[in-house]
Amino acid sequence: MAQDDDTPETRLARLVLSLRSQGVTDPKVLRALEATPRQLFTPDLFQERAFEDSALPIACGQTISQPFIVGLMTQALKIEPRSRVLEIGTGSGYQTAILSKMARLVYTVERYRTLMAEAEARFKALELTNVITRFGDGGQGWPEQAPFDRIMVTAAAPDEPKALLSQLKPGGILVAPVGKGPVQVLKRYTADGQGGHTGEDLGEVRFVPLLDGVAREL
């Protein structure tokens, strides 16, 4: 039911309170969510749903992730102020913007030119100066800038993402959905500093698949 104070700011505040009640409790993550206007990343057709806790369609057959999953994955990454973060799958740029408010630098890779251009325009409008973008194959990471303190993958890898894990610093953390079906397992990997890593399951999620290469026309 609409209220007199049903502004974007109050709707965002209610969303953040809901996420906290679901387990997103890291104060830094909650502040980043509060400071990121989701409506700016939501297509016009879905503006009325911008503050719902649900995934929404964007261009190129992709989605803007459910806010709870965004908060959960960001919290699982354990970002520190000096962290260099690699994001695989820029999409709308919503997750990127949240990461940028917590990390020193965010490197983000997108395989669709359309999404990359739209996200770059949003980053410019929001004056996010610590985001570096790249059009390319996300599954290959960004070897020239490796190693990274943290890596987040916002599409489902079919198997353990070995190429990305090799780009982690010792003690670094990678969070990714892994699995070939419509439902995947959210995994957190921690590099052990000896060329290996440990992994833990964080629950079931649903993501679009991580595809090889770059899109030719989109």
Foldseek 3Di string as FASTA:
>chain_A
DDDPPPDLLVLQVVLLVVLVVVPLPDPLLSVLSSVFRQLLLDDPVCSVCSSPQQWDDDPPRFIDHRPSVLSVQVVLQPAAAAFEEEEEACASVRSVSSVLSHYQAYEYEHQEPVSQVNNVVVCVVVVSPRYHYYHKQPLQPDVVPFQGQEYEYQAEEAADSLNNVQRHAQQHKYWHFYHDDQKTWIKIWTHNRPSDIDIDTDDIDGGHHRDGIHDDPD
